[in-house]
PDB file of N, CA and C in Angstrom:
ATOM      1  N   MET A   1    -121.494-129.623  40.657  1.00  0.00           N
ATOM      2  CA  MET A   1    -121.369-130.961  41.203  1.00  0.00           C
ATOM      3  C   MET A   1    -121.795-131.974  40.143  1.00  0.00           C
ATOM      4  N   ALA A   2    -120.901-132.853  39.760  1.00  0.00           N
ATOM      5  CA  ALA A   2    -121.249-133.784  38.698  1.00  0.00           C
ATOM      6  C   ALA A   2    -120.806-135.209  38.995  1.00  0.00           C
ATOM      7  N   GLY A   3    -120.381-135.515  40.217  1.00  0.00           N
ATOM      8  CA  GLY A   3    -119.937-136.857  40.565  1.00  0.00           C
ATOM      9  C   GLY A   3    -121.106-137.803  40.762  1.00  0.00           C
ATOM     10  N   LYS A   4    -120.791-139.093  40.929  1.00  0.00           N
ATOM     11  CA  LYS A   4    -121.866-140.076  41.012  1.00  0.00           C
ATOM     12  C   LYS A   4    -122.641-140.038  42.327  1.00  0.00           C
ATOM     13  N   TYR A   5    -122.114-139.377  43.363  1.00  0.00           N
ATOM     14  CA  TYR A   5    -122.831-139.282  44.632  1.00  0.00           C
ATOM     15  C   TYR A   5    -123.439-137.897  44.875  1.00  0.00           C
ATOM     16  N   ASP A   6    -123.272-136.998  43.927  1.00  0.00           N
ATOM     17  CA  ASP A   6    -123.746-135.626  44.120  1.00  0.00           C
ATOM     18  C   ASP A   6    -125.266-135.540  44.295  1.00  0.00           C
ATOM     19  N   ALA A   7    -126.016-136.320  43.524  1.00  0.00           N
ATOM     20  CA  ALA A   7    -127.478-136.305  43.661  1.00  0.00           C
ATOM     21  C   ALA A   7    -127.889-136.800  45.041  1.00  0.00           C
ATOM     22  N   LEU A   8    -127.161-137.782  45.541  1.00  0.00           N
ATOM     23  CA  LEU A   8    -127.449-138.309  46.870  1.00  0.00           C
ATOM     24  C   LEU A   8    -127.147-137.266  47.948  1.00  0.00           C
ATOM     25  N   VAL A   9    -126.048-136.535  47.785  1.00  0.00           N
ATOM     26  CA  VAL A   9    -125.714-135.454  48.719  1.00  0.00           C
ATOM     27  C   VAL A   9    -126.795-134.377  48.652  1.00  0.00           C
ATOM     28  N   ASP A  10    -127.242-134.029  47.463  1.00  0.00           N
ATOM     29  CA  ASP A  10    -128.317-133.045  47.321  1.00  0.00           C
ATOM     30  C   ASP A  10    -129.589-133.515  48.032  1.00  0.00           C
ATOM     31  N   ARG A  11    -129.916-134.772  47.877  1.00  0.00           N
ATOM     32  CA  ARG A  11    -131.105-135.314  48.546  1.00  0.00           C
ATOM     33  C   ARG A  11    -130.923-135.256  50.058  1.00  0.00           C
ATOM     34  N   PHE A  12    -129.730-135.557  50.531  1.00  0.00           N
ATOM     35  CA  PHE A  12    -129.435-135.490  51.966  1.00  0.00           C
ATOM     36  C   PHE A  12    -129.649-134.071  52.494  1.00  0.00           C
ATOM     37  N   LEU A  13    -129.289-133.084  51.702  1.00  0.00           N
ATOM     38  CA  LEU A  13    -129.387-131.695  52.144  1.00  0.00           C
ATOM     39  C   LEU A  13    -130.769-131.087  51.954  1.00  0.00           C
ATOM     40  N   GLN A  14    -131.514-131.519  50.949  1.00  0.00           N
ATOM     41  CA  GLN A  14    -132.754-130.848  50.577  1.00  0.00           C
ATOM     42  C   GLN A  14    -134.027-131.609  50.905  1.00  0.00           C
ATOM     43  N   ALA A  15    -133.942-132.870  51.100  1.00  0.00           N
ATOM     44  CA  ALA A  15    -135.138-133.711  51.170  1.00  0.00           C
ATOM     45  C   ALA A  15    -135.891-133.578  52.488  1.00  0.00           C
ATOM     46  N   ALA A  16    -137.082-134.125  52.461  1.00  0.00           N
ATOM     47  CA  ALA A  16    -137.886-134.253  53.674  1.00  0.00           C
ATOM     48  C   ALA A  16    -137.155-135.194  54.632  1.00  0.00           C
ATOM     49  N   PRO A  17    -137.436-135.102  55.922  1.00  0.00           N
ATOM     50  CA  PRO A  17    -136.689-135.892  56.914  1.00  0.00           C
ATOM     51  C   PRO A  17    -136.571-137.387  56.612  1.00  0.00           C
ATOM     52  N   VAL A  18    -137.646-138.020  56.143  1.00  0.00           N
ATOM     53  CA  VAL A  18    -137.568-139.455  55.878  1.00  0.00           C
ATOM     54  C   VAL A  18    -136.607-139.746  54.718  1.00  0.00           C
ATOM     55  N   HIS A  19    -136.631-138.906  53.685  1.00  0.00           N
ATOM     56  CA  HIS A  19    -135.725-139.091  52.551  1.00  0.00           C
ATOM     57  C   HIS A  19    -134.300-138.731  52.949  1.00  0.00           C
ATOM     58  N   ARG A  20    -134.176-137.729  53.801  1.00  0.00           N
ATOM     59  CA  ARG A  20    -132.852-137.329  54.293  1.00  0.00           C
ATOM     60  C   ARG A  20    -132.205-138.481  55.056  1.00  0.00           C
ATOM     61  N   MET A  21    -132.985-139.159  55.901  1.00  0.00           N
ATOM     62  CA  MET A  21    -132.454-140.288  56.677  1.00  0.00           C
ATOM     63  C   MET A  21    -132.034-141.426  55.741  1.00  0.00           C
ATOM     64  N   ALA A  22    -132.827-141.690  54.718  1.00  0.00           N
ATOM     65  CA  ALA A  22    -132.478-142.742  53.759  1.00  0.00           C
ATOM     66  C   ALA A  22    -131.192-142.382  53.019  1.00  0.00           C
ATOM     67  N   ALA A  23    -131.072-141.130  52.588  1.00  0.00           N
ATOM     68  CA  ALA A  23    -129.856-140.691  51.897  1.00  0.00           C
ATOM     69  C   ALA A  23    -128.656-140.799  52.829  1.00  0.00           C
ATOM     70  N   ARG A  24    -128.839-140.429  54.101  1.00  0.00           N
ATOM     71  CA  ARG A  24    -127.752-140.509  55.080  1.00  0.00           C
ATOM     72  C   ARG A  24    -127.270-141.956  55.241  1.00  0.00           C
ATOM     73  N   MET A  25    -128.223-142.888  55.293  1.00  0.00           N
ATOM     74  CA  MET A  25    -127.861-144.295  55.450  1.00  0.00           C
ATOM     75  C   MET A  25    -127.043-144.790  54.255  1.00  0.00           C
ATOM     76  N   ILE A  26    -127.429-144.373  53.068  1.00  0.00           N
ATOM     77  CA  ILE A  26    -126.678-144.776  51.872  1.00  0.00           C
ATOM     78  C   ILE A  26    -125.297-144.128  51.876  1.00  0.00           C
ATOM     79  N   LEU A  27    -125.236-142.843  52.218  1.00  0.00           N
ATOM     80  CA  LEU A  27    -123.939-142.157  52.277  1.00  0.00           C
ATOM     81  C   LEU A  27    -123.020-142.825  53.299  1.00  0.00           C
ATOM     82  N   MET A  28    -123.577-143.254  54.427  1.00  0.00           N
ATOM     83  CA  MET A  28    -122.778-143.956  55.431  1.00  0.00           C
ATOM     84  C   MET A  28    -122.272-145.293  54.888  1.00  0.00           C
ATOM     85  N   ALA A  29    -123.094-145.949  54.095  1.00  0.00           N
ATOM     86  CA  ALA A  29    -122.712-147.257  53.564  1.00  0.00           C
ATOM     87  C   ALA A  29    -121.536-147.163  52.604  1.00  0.00           C
ATOM     88  N   VAL A  30    -121.484-146.096  51.821  1.00  0.00           N
ATOM     89  CA  VAL A  30    -120.386-145.970  50.861  1.00  0.00           C
ATOM     90  C   VAL A  30    -119.207-145.178  51.432  1.00  0.00           C
ATOM     91  N   GLN A  31    -119.386-144.606  52.589  1.00  0.00           N
ATOM     92  CA  GLN A  31    -118.387-143.945  53.407  1.00  0.00           C
ATOM     93  C   GLN A  31    -117.415-143.050  52.660  1.00  0.00           C
ATOM     94  N   GLU A  32    -116.170-143.455  52.581  1.00  0.00           N
ATOM     95  CA  GLU A  32    -115.096-142.581  52.086  1.00  0.00           C
ATOM     96  C   GLU A  32    -115.360-142.018  50.688  1.00  0.00           C
ATOM     97  N   ASP A  33    -116.115-142.740  49.872  1.00  0.00           N
ATOM     98  CA  ASP A  33    -116.410-142.245  48.527  1.00  0.00           C
ATOM     99  C   ASP A  33    -117.260-140.974  48.540  1.00  0.00           C
ATOM    100  N   THR A  34    -117.955-140.740  49.635  1.00  0.00           N
ATOM    101  CA  THR A  34    -118.838-139.576  49.701  1.00  0.00           C
ATOM    102  C   THR A  34    -118.202-138.370  50.372  1.00  0.00           C
ATOM    103  N   VAL A  35    -117.000-138.512  50.897  1.00  0.00           N
ATOM    104  CA  VAL A  35    -116.366-137.407  51.622  1.00  0.00           C
ATOM    105  C   VAL A  35    -116.167-136.193  50.711  1.00  0.00           C
ATOM    106  N   GLU A  36    -115.636-136.413  49.528  1.00  0.00           N
ATOM    107  CA  GLU A  36    -115.382-135.289  48.626  1.00  0.00           C
ATOM    108  C   GLU A  36    -116.666-134.571  48.197  1.00  0.00           C
ATOM    109  N   PRO A  37    -117.720-135.296  47.779  1.00  0.00           N
ATOM    110  CA  PRO A  37    -118.953-134.588  47.438  1.00  0.00           C
ATOM    111  C   PRO A  37    -119.564-133.843  48.629  1.00  0.00           C
ATOM    112  N   LEU A  38    -119.443-134.392  49.827  1.00  0.00           N
ATOM    113  CA  LEU A  38    -119.946-133.698  51.016  1.00  0.00           C
ATOM    114  C   LEU A  38    -119.151-132.418  51.269  1.00  0.00           C
ATOM    115  N   ALA A  39    -117.834-132.512  51.149  1.00  0.00           N
ATOM    116  CA  ALA A  39    -116.985-131.334  51.336  1.00  0.00           C
ATOM    117  C   ALA A  39    -117.274-130.281  50.269  1.00  0.00           C
ATOM    118  N   ASP A  40    -117.448-130.727  49.030  1.00  0.00           N
ATOM    119  CA  ASP A  40    -117.769-129.790  47.946  1.00  0.00           C
ATOM    120  C   ASP A  40    -119.061-129.039  48.246  1.00  0.00           C
ATOM    121  N   ALA A  41    -120.071-129.763  48.706  1.00  0.00           N
ATOM    122  CA  ALA A  41    -121.347-129.125  49.030  1.00  0.00           C
ATOM    123  C   ALA A  41    -121.175-128.135  50.176  1.00  0.00           C
ATOM    124  N   PHE A  42    -120.412-128.522  51.191  1.00  0.00           N
ATOM    125  CA  PHE A  42    -120.189-127.647  52.342  1.00  0.00           C
ATOM    126  C   PHE A  42    -119.518-126.351  51.907  1.00  0.00           C
ATOM    127  N   TYR A  43    -118.434-126.473  51.161  1.00  0.00           N
ATOM    128  CA  TYR A  43    -117.666-125.284  50.774  1.00  0.00           C
ATOM    129  C   TYR A  43    -118.353-124.458  49.680  1.00  0.00           C
ATOM    130  N   ALA A  44    -119.308-125.072  48.967  1.00  0.00           N
ATOM    131  CA  ALA A  44    -120.053-124.322  47.955  1.00  0.00           C
ATOM    132  C   ALA A  44    -121.059-123.377  48.604  1.00  0.00           C
ATOM    133  N   GLY A  45    -121.373-123.659  49.848  1.00  0.00           N
ATOM    134  CA  GLY A  45    -122.282-122.796  50.592  1.00  0.00           C
ATOM    135  C   GLY A  45    -123.561-123.512  50.969  1.00  0.00           C
ATOM    136  N   VAL A  46    -123.791-123.626  52.248  1.00  0.00           N
ATOM    137  CA  VAL A  46    -124.980-124.289  52.774  1.00  0.00           C
ATOM    138  C   VAL A  46    -125.501-123.474  53.952  1.00  0.00           C
ATOM    139  N   THR A  47    -126.711-123.772  54.359  1.00  0.00           N
ATOM    140  CA  THR A  47    -127.244-123.139  55.559  1.00  0.00           C
ATOM    141  C   THR A  47    -126.515-123.716  56.776  1.00  0.00           C
ATOM    142  N   GLU A  48    -126.695-123.077  57.915  1.00  0.00           N
ATOM    143  CA  GLU A  48    -126.061-123.586  59.130  1.00  0.00           C
ATOM    144  C   GLU A  48    -126.555-124.998  59.452  1.00  0.00           C
ATOM    145  N   GLU A  49    -127.847-125.224  59.293  1.00  0.00           N
ATOM    146  CA  GLU A  49    -128.420-126.549  59.564  1.00  0.00           C
ATOM    147  C   GLU A  49    -127.814-127.608  58.628  1.00  0.00           C
ATOM    148  N   GLN A  50    -127.707-127.285  57.344  1.00  0.00           N
ATOM    149  CA  GLN A  50    -127.107-128.219  56.388  1.00  0.00           C
ATOM    150  C   GLN A  50    -125.631-128.435  56.706  1.00  0.00           C
ATOM    151  N   GLY A  51    -124.933-127.361  57.074  1.00  0.00           N
ATOM    152  CA  GLY A  51    -123.526-127.472  57.440  1.00  0.00           C
ATOM    153  C   GLY A  51    -123.333-128.399  58.626  1.00  0.00           C
ATOM    154  N   GLU A  52    -124.178-128.253  59.632  1.00  0.00           N
ATOM    155  CA  GLU A  52    -124.102-129.136  60.802  1.00  0.00           C
ATOM    156  C   GLU A  52    -124.345-130.586  60.394  1.00  0.00           C
ATOM    157  N   ALA A  53    -125.325-130.820  59.530  1.00  0.00           N
ATOM    158  CA  ALA A  53    -125.633-132.185  59.085  1.00  0.00           C
ATOM    159  C   ALA A  53    -124.446-132.788  58.342  1.00  0.00           C
ATOM    160  N   ILE A  54    -123.813-132.009  57.474  1.00  0.00           N
ATOM    161  CA  ILE A  54    -122.639-132.496  56.736  1.00  0.00           C
ATOM    162  C   ILE A  54    -121.505-132.813  57.703  1.00  0.00           C
ATOM    163  N   ILE A  55    -121.245-131.908  58.632  1.00  0.00           N
ATOM    164  CA  ILE A  55    -120.145-132.103  59.587  1.00  0.00           C
ATOM    165  C   ILE A  55    -120.379-133.349  60.439  1.00  0.00           C
ATOM    166  N   MET A  56    -121.607-133.524  60.915  1.00  0.00           N
ATOM    167  CA  MET A  56    -121.903-134.705  61.741  1.00  0.00           C
ATOM    168  C   MET A  56    -121.761-135.991  60.930  1.00  0.00           C
ATOM    169  N   LEU A  57    -122.156-135.944  59.662  1.00  0.00           N
ATOM    170  CA  LEU A  57    -122.009-137.122  58.808  1.00  0.00           C
ATOM    171  C   LEU A  57    -120.530-137.417  58.558  1.00  0.00           C
ATOM    172  N   LEU A  58    -119.737-136.387  58.304  1.00  0.00           N
ATOM    173  CA  LEU A  58    -118.292-136.589  58.134  1.00  0.00           C
ATOM    174  C   LEU A  58    -117.672-137.201  59.387  1.00  0.00           C
ATOM    175  N   ALA A  59    -118.113-136.745  60.558  1.00  0.00           N
ATOM    176  CA  ALA A  59    -117.603-137.308  61.810  1.00  0.00           C
ATOM    177  C   ALA A  59    -117.986-138.781  61.934  1.00  0.00           C
ATOM    178  N   ASP A  60    -119.200-139.124  61.521  1.00  0.00           N
ATOM    179  CA  ASP A  60    -119.632-140.522  61.581  1.00  0.00           C
ATOM    180  C   ASP A  60    -118.875-141.385  60.578  1.00  0.00           C
ATOM    181  N   ILE A  61    -118.576-140.828  59.420  1.00  0.00           N
ATOM    182  CA  ILE A  61    -117.809-141.568  58.413  1.00  0.00           C
ATOM    183  C   ILE A  61    -116.387-141.791  58.919  1.00  0.00           C
ATOM    184  N   GLY A  62    -115.794-140.745  59.495  1.00  0.00           N
ATOM    185  CA  GLY A  62    -114.426-140.857  59.996  1.00  0.00           C
ATOM    186  C   GLY A  62    -113.443-141.036  58.855  1.00  0.00           C
ATOM    187  N   GLY A  63    -112.296-141.536  59.163  1.00  0.00           N
ATOM    188  CA  GLY A  63    -111.273-141.734  58.147  1.00  0.00           C
ATOM    189  C   GLY A  63    -110.425-140.489  57.966  1.00  0.00           C
ATOM    190  N   TYR A  64    -109.292-140.680  57.357  1.00  0.00           N
ATOM    191  CA  TYR A  64    -108.282-139.631  57.226  1.00  0.00           C
ATOM    192  C   TYR A  64    -108.822-138.369  56.555  1.00  0.00           C
ATOM    193  N   GLU A  65    -109.420-138.525  55.392  1.00  0.00           N
ATOM    194  CA  GLU A  65    -109.879-137.367  54.619  1.00  0.00           C
ATOM    195  C   GLU A  65    -111.000-136.613  55.348  1.00  0.00           C
ATOM    196  N   ALA A  66    -111.966-137.345  55.878  1.00  0.00           N
ATOM    197  CA  ALA A  66    -113.087-136.710  56.584  1.00  0.00           C
ATOM    198  C   ALA A  66    -112.598-135.951  57.808  1.00  0.00           C
ATOM    199  N   LEU A  67    -111.697-136.545  58.566  1.00  0.00           N
ATOM    200  CA  LEU A  67    -111.198-135.883  59.777  1.00  0.00           C
ATOM    201  C   LEU A  67    -110.354-134.659  59.436  1.00  0.00           C
ATOM    202  N   ASN A  68    -109.641-134.710  58.328  1.00  0.00           N
ATOM    203  CA  ASN A  68    -108.869-133.526  57.923  1.00  0.00           C
ATOM    204  C   ASN A  68    -109.787-132.373  57.510  1.00  0.00           C
ATOM    205  N   ILE A  69    -110.927-132.690  56.936  1.00  0.00           N
ATOM    206  CA  ILE A  69    -111.898-131.642  56.606  1.00  0.00           C
ATOM    207  C   ILE A  69    -112.434-131.025  57.899  1.00  0.00           C
ATOM    208  N   LEU A  70    -112.724-131.867  58.889  1.00  0.00           N
ATOM    209  CA  LEU A  70    -113.185-131.343  60.177  1.00  0.00           C
ATOM    210  C   LEU A  70    -112.117-130.453  60.815  1.00  0.00           C
ATOM    211  N   ARG A  71    -110.862-130.882  60.726  1.00  0.00           N
ATOM    212  CA  ARG A  71    -109.766-130.056  61.266  1.00  0.00           C
ATOM    213  C   ARG A  71    -109.706-128.706  60.561  1.00  0.00           C
ATOM    214  N   ASP A  72    -109.885-128.729  59.253  1.00  0.00           N
ATOM    215  CA  ASP A  72    -109.868-127.487  58.475  1.00  0.00           C
ATOM    216  C   ASP A  72    -110.992-126.556  58.916  1.00  0.00           C
ATOM    217  N   ILE A  73    -112.152-127.108  59.157  1.00  0.00           N
ATOM    218  CA  ILE A  73    -113.287-126.288  59.600  1.00  0.00           C
ATOM    219  C   ILE A  73    -112.999-125.681  60.963  1.00  0.00           C
ATOM    220  N   VAL A  74    -112.465-126.471  61.880  1.00  0.00           N
ATOM    221  CA  VAL A  74    -112.158-125.960  63.225  1.00  0.00           C
ATOM    222  C   VAL A  74    -111.133-124.840  63.148  1.00  0.00           C
ATOM    223  N   LYS A  75    -110.118-125.024  62.341  1.00  0.00           N
ATOM    224  CA  LYS A  75    -109.009-124.062  62.306  1.00  0.00           C
ATOM    225  C   LYS A  75    -109.280-122.842  61.440  1.00  0.00           C
ATOM    226  N   HIS A  76    -110.049-122.991  60.382  1.00  0.00           N
ATOM    227  CA  HIS A  76    -110.116-121.919  59.390  1.00  0.00           C
ATOM    228  C   HIS A  76    -111.506-121.397  59.061  1.00  0.00           C
ATOM    229  N   HIS A  77    -112.539-122.013  59.574  1.00  0.00           N
ATOM    230  CA  HIS A  77    -113.906-121.581  59.230  1.00  0.00           C
ATOM    231  C   HIS A  77    -114.364-120.555  60.272  1.00  0.00           C
ATOM    232  N   VAL A  78    -113.703-119.417  60.272  1.00  0.00           N
ATOM    233  CA  VAL A  78    -113.865-118.433  61.331  1.00  0.00           C
ATOM    234  C   VAL A  78    -115.243-117.784  61.361  1.00  0.00           C
ATOM    235  N   LYS A  79    -115.904-117.691  60.240  1.00  0.00           N
ATOM    236  CA  LYS A  79    -117.137-116.917  60.199  1.00  0.00           C
ATOM    237  C   LYS A  79    -118.310-117.553  60.936  1.00  0.00           C
ATOM    238  N   ASN A  80    -118.261-118.839  61.223  1.00  0.00           N
ATOM    239  CA  ASN A  80    -119.378-119.487  61.910  1.00  0.00           C
ATOM    240  C   ASN A  80    -118.865-120.348  63.061  1.00  0.00           C
ATOM    241  N   LEU A  81    -118.917-119.781  64.254  1.00  0.00           N
ATOM    242  CA  LEU A  81    -118.407-120.457  65.446  1.00  0.00           C
ATOM    243  C   LEU A  81    -119.176-121.746  65.726  1.00  0.00           C
ATOM    244  N   ARG A  82    -120.470-121.750  65.487  1.00  0.00           N
ATOM    245  CA  ARG A  82    -121.276-122.952  65.748  1.00  0.00           C
ATOM    246  C   ARG A  82    -120.787-124.130  64.905  1.00  0.00           C
ATOM    247  N   LEU A  83    -120.478-123.897  63.640  1.00  0.00           N
ATOM    248  CA  LEU A  83    -119.979-124.977  62.787  1.00  0.00           C
ATOM    249  C   LEU A  83    -118.604-125.459  63.246  1.00  0.00           C
ATOM    250  N   ARG A  84    -117.797-124.537  63.733  1.00  0.00           N
ATOM    251  CA  ARG A  84    -116.488-124.921  64.271  1.00  0.00           C
ATOM    252  C   ARG A  84    -116.647-125.807  65.503  1.00  0.00           C
ATOM    253  N   VAL A  85    -117.618-125.483  66.347  1.00  0.00           N
ATOM    254  CA  VAL A  85    -117.885-126.285  67.544  1.00  0.00           C
ATOM    255  C   VAL A  85    -118.337-127.695  67.151  1.00  0.00           C
ATOM    256  N   VAL A  86    -119.241-127.795  66.193  1.00  0.00           N
ATOM    257  CA  VAL A  86    -119.728-129.104  65.747  1.00  0.00           C
ATOM    258  C   VAL A  86    -118.573-129.929  65.165  1.00  0.00           C
ATOM    259  N   ALA A  87    -117.685-129.282  64.407  1.00  0.00           N
ATOM    260  CA  ALA A  87    -116.532-129.991  63.839  1.00  0.00           C
ATOM    261  C   ALA A  87    -115.591-130.469  64.936  1.00  0.00           C
ATOM    262  N   ALA A  88    -115.358-129.637  65.943  1.00  0.00           N
ATOM    263  CA  ALA A  88    -114.487-130.037  67.063  1.00  0.00           C
ATOM    264  C   ALA A  88    -115.094-131.221  67.804  1.00  0.00           C
ATOM    265  N   GLU A  89    -116.407-131.187  68.027  1.00  0.00           N
ATOM    266  CA  GLU A  89    -117.076-132.310  68.681  1.00  0.00           C
ATOM    267  C   GLU A  89    -116.960-133.576  67.833  1.00  0.00           C
ATOM    268  N   GLY A  90    -117.039-133.422  66.519  1.00  0.00           N
ATOM    269  CA  GLY A  90    -116.891-134.558  65.618  1.00  0.00           C
ATOM    270  C   GLY A  90    -115.505-135.172  65.678  1.00  0.00           C
ATOM    271  N   LEU A  91    -114.500-134.321  65.794  1.00  0.00           N
ATOM    272  CA  LEU A  91    -113.136-134.833  65.932  1.00  0.00           C
ATOM    273  C   LEU A  91    -112.982-135.605  67.236  1.00  0.00           C
ATOM    274  N   LEU A  92    -113.510-135.061  68.314  1.00  0.00           N
ATOM    275  CA  LEU A  92    -113.414-135.741  69.609  1.00  0.00           C
ATOM    276  C   LEU A  92    -114.173-137.062  69.609  1.00  0.00           C
ATOM    277  N   LYS A  93    -115.218-137.140  68.813  1.00  0.00           N
ATOM    278  CA  LYS A  93    -115.974-138.387  68.669  1.00  0.00           C
ATOM    279  C   LYS A  93    -115.092-139.494  68.078  1.00  0.00           C
ATOM    280  N   ASN A  94    -114.082-139.090  67.324  1.00  0.00           N
ATOM    281  CA  ASN A  94    -113.139-140.022  66.688  1.00  0.00           C
ATOM    282  C   ASN A  94    -111.821-140.040  67.451  1.00  0.00           C
ATOM    283  N   GLU A  95    -111.903-140.141  68.765  1.00  0.00           N
ATOM    284  CA  GLU A  95    -110.720-139.978  69.610  1.00  0.00           C
ATOM    285  C   GLU A  95    -109.580-140.942  69.292  1.00  0.00           C
ATOM    286  N   SER A  96    -109.887-142.109  68.756  1.00  0.00           N
ATOM    287  CA  SER A  96    -108.814-143.052  68.439  1.00  0.00           C
ATOM    288  C   SER A  96    -107.948-142.563  67.280  1.00  0.00           C
ATOM    289  N   ALA A  97    -108.466-141.633  66.486  1.00  0.00           N
ATOM    290  CA  ALA A  97    -107.717-141.099  65.347  1.00  0.00           C
ATOM    291  C   ALA A  97    -107.169-139.701  65.629  1.00  0.00           C
ATOM    292  N   VAL A  98    -107.321-139.244  66.877  1.00  0.00           N
ATOM    293  CA  VAL A  98    -106.885-137.897  67.247  1.00  0.00           C
ATOM    294  C   VAL A  98    -105.879-138.019  68.383  1.00  0.00           C
ATOM    295  N   SER A  99    -104.752-137.348  68.231  1.00  0.00           N
ATOM    296  CA  SER A  99    -103.709-137.444  69.262  1.00  0.00           C
ATOM    297  C   SER A  99    -104.193-136.836  70.571  1.00  0.00           C
ATOM    298  N   GLU A 100    -103.539-137.212  71.653  1.00  0.00           N
ATOM    299  CA  GLU A 100    -103.888-136.676  72.969  1.00  0.00           C
ATOM    300  C   GLU A 100    -103.692-135.162  73.004  1.00  0.00           C
ATOM    301  N   LYS A 101    -102.628-134.702  72.366  1.00  0.00           N
ATOM    302  CA  LYS A 101    -102.354-133.265  72.312  1.00  0.00           C
ATOM    303  C   LYS A 101    -103.490-132.530  71.589  1.00  0.00           C
ATOM    304  N   GLU A 102    -103.927-133.096  70.452  1.00  0.00           N
ATOM    305  CA  GLU A 102    -105.014-132.473  69.702  1.00  0.00           C
ATOM    306  C   GLU A 102    -106.326-132.527  70.492  1.00  0.00           C
ATOM    307  N   GLN A 103    -106.556-133.627  71.198  1.00  0.00           N
ATOM    308  CA  GLN A 103    -107.767-133.735  72.017  1.00  0.00           C
ATOM    309  C   GLN A 103    -107.809-132.626  73.070  1.00  0.00           C
ATOM    310  N   LYS A 104    -106.685-132.388  73.717  1.00  0.00           N
ATOM    311  CA  LYS A 104    -106.632-131.329  74.735  1.00  0.00           C
ATOM    312  C   LYS A 104    -106.875-129.960  74.114  1.00  0.00           C
ATOM    313  N   ALA A 105    -106.286-129.714  72.946  1.00  0.00           N
ATOM    314  CA  ALA A 105    -106.487-128.436  72.258  1.00  0.00           C
ATOM    315  C   ALA A 105    -107.960-128.266  71.863  1.00  0.00           C
ATOM    316  N   LEU A 106    -108.573-129.332  71.391  1.00  0.00           N
ATOM    317  CA  LEU A 106    -109.988-129.278  71.011  1.00  0.00           C
ATOM    318  C   LEU A 106    -110.873-129.025  72.231  1.00  0.00           C
ATOM    319  N   GLN A 107    -110.552-129.658  73.346  1.00  0.00           N
ATOM    320  CA  GLN A 107    -111.328-129.450  74.571  1.00  0.00           C
ATOM    321  C   GLN A 107    -111.211-128.009  75.057  1.00  0.00           C
ATOM    322  N   ARG A 108    -110.013-127.433  74.959  1.00  0.00           N
ATOM    323  CA  ARG A 108    -109.835-126.024  75.333  1.00  0.00           C
ATOM    324  C   ARG A 108    -110.649-125.124  74.406  1.00  0.00           C
ATOM    325  N   PHE A 109    -110.573-125.408  73.113  1.00  0.00           N
ATOM    326  CA  PHE A 109    -111.343-124.632  72.141  1.00  0.00           C
ATOM    327  C   PHE A 109    -112.832-124.717  72.457  1.00  0.00           C
ATOM    328  N   LEU A 110    -113.335-125.925  72.703  1.00  0.00           N
ATOM    329  CA  LEU A 110    -114.760-126.101  72.981  1.00  0.00           C
ATOM    330  C   LEU A 110    -115.184-125.358  74.240  1.00  0.00           C
ATOM    331  N   SER A 111    -114.346-125.369  75.238  1.00  0.00           N
ATOM    332  CA  SER A 111    -114.664-124.671  76.479  1.00  0.00           C
ATOM    333  C   SER A 111    -114.859-123.171  76.217  1.00  0.00           C
ATOM    334  N   LYS A 112    -113.920-122.585  75.489  1.00  0.00           N
ATOM    335  CA  LYS A 112    -114.009-121.148  75.175  1.00  0.00           C
ATOM    336  C   LYS A 112    -115.160-120.856  74.218  1.00  0.00           C
ATOM    337  N   ALA A 113    -115.304-121.683  73.193  1.00  0.00           N
ATOM    338  CA  ALA A 113    -116.307-121.435  72.154  1.00  0.00           C
ATOM    339  C   ALA A 113    -117.724-121.576  72.698  1.00  0.00           C
ATOM    340  N   THR A 114    -117.964-122.565  73.534  1.00  0.00           N
ATOM    341  CA  THR A 114    -119.312-122.735  74.075  1.00  0.00           C
ATOM    342  C   THR A 114    -119.680-121.566  74.985  1.00  0.00           C
ATOM    343  N   LYS A 115    -118.712-121.017  75.697  1.00  0.00           N
ATOM    344  CA  LYS A 115    -118.977-119.825  76.511  1.00  0.00           C
ATOM    345  C   LYS A 115    -119.363-118.651  75.613  1.00  0.00           C
ATOM    346  N   LYS A 116    -118.628-118.481  74.502  1.00  0.00           N
ATOM    347  CA  LYS A 116    -118.938-117.401  73.553  1.00  0.00           C
ATOM    348  C   LYS A 116    -120.333-117.562  72.966  1.00  0.00           C
ATOM    349  N   LEU A 117    -120.666-118.780  72.586  1.00  0.00           N
ATOM    350  CA  LEU A 117    -121.997-119.025  72.014  1.00  0.00           C
ATOM    351  C   LEU A 117    -123.090-118.736  73.038  1.00  0.00           C
ATOM    352  N   ALA A 118    -122.856-119.112  74.279  1.00  0.00           N
ATOM    353  CA  ALA A 118    -123.842-118.842  75.339  1.00  0.00           C
ATOM    354  C   ALA A 118    -124.010-117.354  75.554  1.00  0.00           C
ATOM    355  N   GLU A 119    -122.900-116.610  75.516  1.00  0.00           N
ATOM    356  CA  GLU A 119    -122.954-115.150  75.655  1.00  0.00           C
ATOM    357  C   GLU A 119    -123.764-114.537  74.521  1.00  0.00           C
ATOM    358  N   ARG A 120    -123.541-115.009  73.304  1.00  0.00           N
ATOM    359  CA  ARG A 120    -124.277-114.492  72.150  1.00  0.00           C
ATOM    360  C   ARG A 120    -125.768-114.748  72.299  1.00  0.00           C
ATOM    361  N   GLU A 121    -126.128-115.946  72.759  1.00  0.00           N
ATOM    362  CA  GLU A 121    -127.529-116.285  72.940  1.00  0.00           C
ATOM    363  C   GLU A 121    -128.152-115.407  74.016  1.00  0.00           C
ATOM    364  N   ASN A 122    -127.423-115.134  75.095  1.00  0.00           N
ATOM    365  CA  ASN A 122    -127.938-114.279  76.164  1.00  0.00           C
ATOM    366  C   ASN A 122    -128.141-112.850  75.675  1.00  0.00           C
ATOM    367  N   GLN A 123    -127.237-112.374  74.821  1.00  0.00           N
ATOM    368  CA  GLN A 123    -127.362-111.025  74.287  1.00  0.00           C
ATOM    369  C   GLN A 123    -128.546-110.927  73.325  1.00  0.00           C
ATOM    370  N   ALA A 124    -128.821-112.008  72.622  1.00  0.00           N
ATOM    371  CA  ALA A 124    -129.917-112.003  71.658  1.00  0.00           C
ATOM    372  C   ALA A 124    -131.288-111.988  72.344  1.00  0.00           C
ATOM    373  N   GLU A 125    -131.335-112.438  73.577  1.00  0.00           N
ATOM    374  CA  GLU A 125    -132.616-112.482  74.304  1.00  0.00           C
ATOM    375  C   GLU A 125    -133.012-111.171  74.792  1.00  0.00           C
TER     376      GLU A 125
END
């Protein structure tokens, strides 16, 4: 990672909560310019908690590129159902940029996925 926002993305992912919030506010302020560094960090490998934070930030940023990354996670990030659920919720949060057909598909996915996650949690207990 060598872009001008990469250090800020690293701080967002690694810092103490107060520094993380400050980094998040700056990333939100520059919005679309940070989508690529956030996606790079996500695909380079992050913990589930960091992945959720990136996905939620992308949903808050919105815009074409950010929403397409969320769509990619929902459709192709098969190994982590929880991250797919967070991405689907992020897309629904941007309902004005999501077609009615896609909204219905996302709602169906969330219904099935949340049941699966609940089953997994029950089995783990």
